[in-house]
C-alpha atoms as a PDB file:
ATOM      1  CA  MET A   1     107.802  81.912 116.871  1.00  0.00           C
ATOM      2  CA  ALA A   2     104.272  81.000 115.882  1.00  0.00           C
ATOM      3  CA  LYS A   3     103.187  78.944 112.910  1.00  0.00           C
ATOM      4  CA  ILE A   4     100.069  78.775 110.802  1.00  0.00           C
ATOM      5  CA  VAL A   5      98.974  75.531 109.170  1.00  0.00           C
ATOM      6  CA  ILE A   6      96.671  76.018 106.178  1.00  0.00           C
ATOM      7  CA  GLU A   7      94.639  72.843 106.426  1.00  0.00           C
ATOM      8  CA  ASN A   8      93.084  72.816 102.958  1.00  0.00           C
ATOM      9  CA  LEU A   9      96.228  73.961 101.141  1.00  0.00           C
ATOM     10  CA  SER A  10      98.013  70.613 101.602  1.00  0.00           C
ATOM     11  CA  GLY A  11      98.818  71.483 105.209  1.00  0.00           C
ATOM     12  CA  LYS A  12     101.144  74.331 104.164  1.00  0.00           C
ATOM     13  CA  VAL A  13     103.048  75.649 107.207  1.00  0.00           C
ATOM     14  CA  VAL A  14     103.850  79.356 107.491  1.00  0.00           C
ATOM     15  CA  ASN A  15     106.172  80.598 110.214  1.00  0.00           C
ATOM     16  CA  ILE A  16     105.330  83.979 111.690  1.00  0.00           C
ATOM     17  CA  HIS A  17     108.139  86.347 112.577  1.00  0.00           C
ATOM     18  CA  PRO A  18     107.739  88.774 114.146  1.00  0.00           C
ATOM     19  CA  GLN A  19     104.334  88.139 115.677  1.00  0.00           C
ATOM     20  CA  SER A  20     103.341  91.798 115.384  1.00  0.00           C
ATOM     21  CA  ARG A  21     102.584  91.457 111.636  1.00  0.00           C
ATOM     22  CA  SER A  22      99.167  90.646 110.294  1.00  0.00           C
ATOM     23  CA  ILE A  23      98.486  87.120 109.163  1.00  0.00           C
ATOM     24  CA  LEU A  24      98.230  88.412 105.588  1.00  0.00           C
ATOM     25  CA  ALA A  25     101.697  90.014 105.825  1.00  0.00           C
ATOM     26  CA  ALA A  26     103.108  86.761 107.200  1.00  0.00           C
ATOM     27  CA  LEU A  27     101.518  84.757 104.376  1.00  0.00           C
ATOM     28  CA  GLN A  28     102.868  87.152 101.771  1.00  0.00           C
ATOM     29  CA  GLY A  29     106.302  87.038 103.409  1.00  0.00           C
ATOM     30  CA  GLU A  30     106.322  83.267 102.847  1.00  0.00           C
ATOM     31  CA  ARG A  31     105.091  83.685  99.240  1.00  0.00           C
ATOM     32  CA  VAL A  32     101.657  82.199  99.896  1.00  0.00           C
ATOM     33  CA  ASP A  33      99.062  83.650  97.524  1.00  0.00           C
ATOM     34  CA  TRP A  34      96.003  84.805  99.490  1.00  0.00           C
ATOM     35  CA  MET A  35      93.030  86.753  98.158  1.00  0.00           C
ATOM     36  CA  HIS A  36      92.960  90.413  99.272  1.00  0.00           C
ATOM     37  CA  ALA A  37      91.035  92.694  96.914  1.00  0.00           C
ATOM     38  CA  CYS A  38      91.408  95.917  98.940  1.00  0.00           C
ATOM     39  CA  GLY A  39      95.155  95.579  99.377  1.00  0.00           C
ATOM     40  CA  GLY A  40      94.956  94.480 102.998  1.00  0.00           C
ATOM     41  CA  LYS A  41      93.263  97.620 104.314  1.00  0.00           C
ATOM     42  CA  GLY A  42      90.259  95.994 106.055  1.00  0.00           C
ATOM     43  CA  ARG A  43      87.818  97.437 103.511  1.00  0.00           C
ATOM     44  CA  CYS A  44      86.432  94.108 102.255  1.00  0.00           C
ATOM     45  CA  THR A  45      86.232  90.495 103.370  1.00  0.00           C
ATOM     46  CA  THR A  46      88.106  88.771 100.548  1.00  0.00           C
ATOM     47  CA  CYS A  47      91.074  87.890 102.809  1.00  0.00           C
ATOM     48  CA  LYS A  48      88.778  86.105 105.241  1.00  0.00           C
ATOM     49  CA  LEU A  49      90.114  82.920 106.817  1.00  0.00           C
ATOM     50  CA  ILE A  50      88.415  80.231 108.858  1.00  0.00           C
ATOM     51  CA  ILE A  51      90.036  79.497 112.215  1.00  0.00           C
ATOM     52  CA  VAL A  52      90.020  75.746 112.887  1.00  0.00           C
ATOM     53  CA  GLU A  53      92.317  75.777 115.943  1.00  0.00           C
ATOM     54  CA  GLY A  54      93.761  78.614 117.983  1.00  0.00           C
ATOM     55  CA  HIS A  55      90.821  81.014 118.329  1.00  0.00           C
ATOM     56  CA  ASP A  56      92.242  82.248 121.624  1.00  0.00           C
ATOM     57  CA  LEU A  57      95.689  82.815 120.067  1.00  0.00           C
ATOM     58  CA  LEU A  58      94.639  85.802 117.961  1.00  0.00           C
ATOM     59  CA  SER A  59      94.650  89.532 118.599  1.00  0.00           C
ATOM     60  CA  GLU A  60      91.345  91.186 119.475  1.00  0.00           C
ATOM     61  CA  ARG A  61      89.040  91.970 116.559  1.00  0.00           C
ATOM     62  CA  THR A  62      89.777  95.342 114.978  1.00  0.00           C
ATOM     63  CA  ALA A  63      87.102  97.982 114.320  1.00  0.00           C
ATOM     64  CA  ALA A  64      86.927  96.815 110.679  1.00  0.00           C
ATOM     65  CA  GLU A  65      86.411  93.197 111.754  1.00  0.00           C
ATOM     66  CA  MET A  66      83.775  94.198 114.307  1.00  0.00           C
ATOM     67  CA  ARG A  67      81.850  96.077 111.619  1.00  0.00           C
ATOM     68  CA  TYR A  68      81.787  93.013 109.328  1.00  0.00           C
ATOM     69  CA  TYR A  69      81.013  90.721 112.271  1.00  0.00           C
ATOM     70  CA  GLN A  70      78.045  92.876 113.301  1.00  0.00           C
ATOM     71  CA  GLU A  71      76.826  92.935 109.688  1.00  0.00           C
ATOM     72  CA  GLY A  72      76.953  89.117 109.601  1.00  0.00           C
ATOM     73  CA  LYS A  73      79.778  89.054 107.034  1.00  0.00           C
ATOM     74  CA  LEU A  74      82.183  87.366 109.482  1.00  0.00           C
ATOM     75  CA  LEU A  75      81.206  84.381 111.615  1.00  0.00           C
ATOM     76  CA  ASP A  76      82.577  83.599 115.084  1.00  0.00           C
ATOM     77  CA  ASN A  77      85.301  81.391 113.597  1.00  0.00           C
ATOM     78  CA  GLU A  78      86.285  83.802 110.803  1.00  0.00           C
ATOM     79  CA  ARG A  79      88.813  86.625 110.804  1.00  0.00           C
ATOM     80  CA  LEU A  80      90.323  88.990 108.265  1.00  0.00           C
ATOM     81  CA  ALA A  81      93.893  87.952 107.484  1.00  0.00           C
ATOM     82  CA  CYS A  82      94.844  91.601 106.928  1.00  0.00           C
ATOM     83  CA  GLN A  83      93.700  92.573 110.426  1.00  0.00           C
ATOM     84  CA  ALA A  84      94.296  89.587 112.706  1.00  0.00           C
ATOM     85  CA  ILE A  85      97.652  88.954 114.364  1.00  0.00           C
ATOM     86  CA  ALA A  86      98.624  85.424 115.376  1.00  0.00           C
ATOM     87  CA  LEU A  87      99.880  85.212 118.968  1.00  0.00           C
ATOM     88  CA  GLY A  88     100.481  81.468 118.790  1.00  0.00           C
ATOM     89  CA  ASP A  89     100.054  78.437 116.555  1.00  0.00           C
ATOM     90  CA  LEU A  90      96.941  78.353 114.361  1.00  0.00           C
ATOM     91  CA  VAL A  91      95.225  75.949 112.009  1.00  0.00           C
ATOM     92  CA  VAL A  92      93.179  77.754 109.354  1.00  0.00           C
ATOM     93  CA  ARG A  93      91.242  77.053 106.177  1.00  0.00           C
ATOM     94  CA  VAL A  94      90.680  79.081 103.028  1.00  0.00           C
ATOM     95  CA  PRO A  95      86.915  79.645 102.637  1.00  0.00           C
ATOM     96  CA  PRO A  96      85.384  78.472  99.342  1.00  0.00           C
ATOM     97  CA  GLU A  97      84.661  82.024  98.172  1.00  0.00           C
ATOM     98  CA  SER A  98      88.289  83.092  98.681  1.00  0.00           C
ATOM     99  CA  LYS A  99      90.000  80.265  96.819  1.00  0.00           C
ATOM    100  CA  LEU A 100      92.270  81.353  93.994  1.00  0.00           C
ATOM    101  CA  PRO A 101      91.871  79.546  90.657  1.00  0.00           C
ATOM    102  CA  HIS A 102      95.576  78.797  90.158  1.00  0.00           C
ATOM    103  CA  LEU A 103      95.996  76.939  93.482  1.00  0.00           C
ATOM    104  CA  LYS A 104      94.992  73.349  94.251  1.00  0.00           C
ATOM    105  CA  TYR A 105      92.996  73.000  97.461  1.00  0.00           C
ATOM    106  CA  ASP A 106      92.285  69.847  99.424  1.00  0.00           C
ATOM    107  CA  PHE A 107      88.710  68.804 100.232  1.00  0.00           C
END
């Protein structure tokens, strides 16, 4: 079982089971609110997350992620939560533009 630590959300820990689900599905399964304007279909970048640790413990970029990466809308350390699958433990951050107003974020 893998876990995701959301560094700037008070170190919230989300367990991933099974590992074949997207990160967004895992977050939703643990009742963590995460921005996703297109409903998790890979049609926008609102569910973007910043990978702090565990870059090599993610599935390969999907076609949707590659498109946004090539357009400069995703950086090397950013992935779409609706597309990426965690294959091991990760530490992530919510980017400033994806923070929800009803949640309290650290630094």
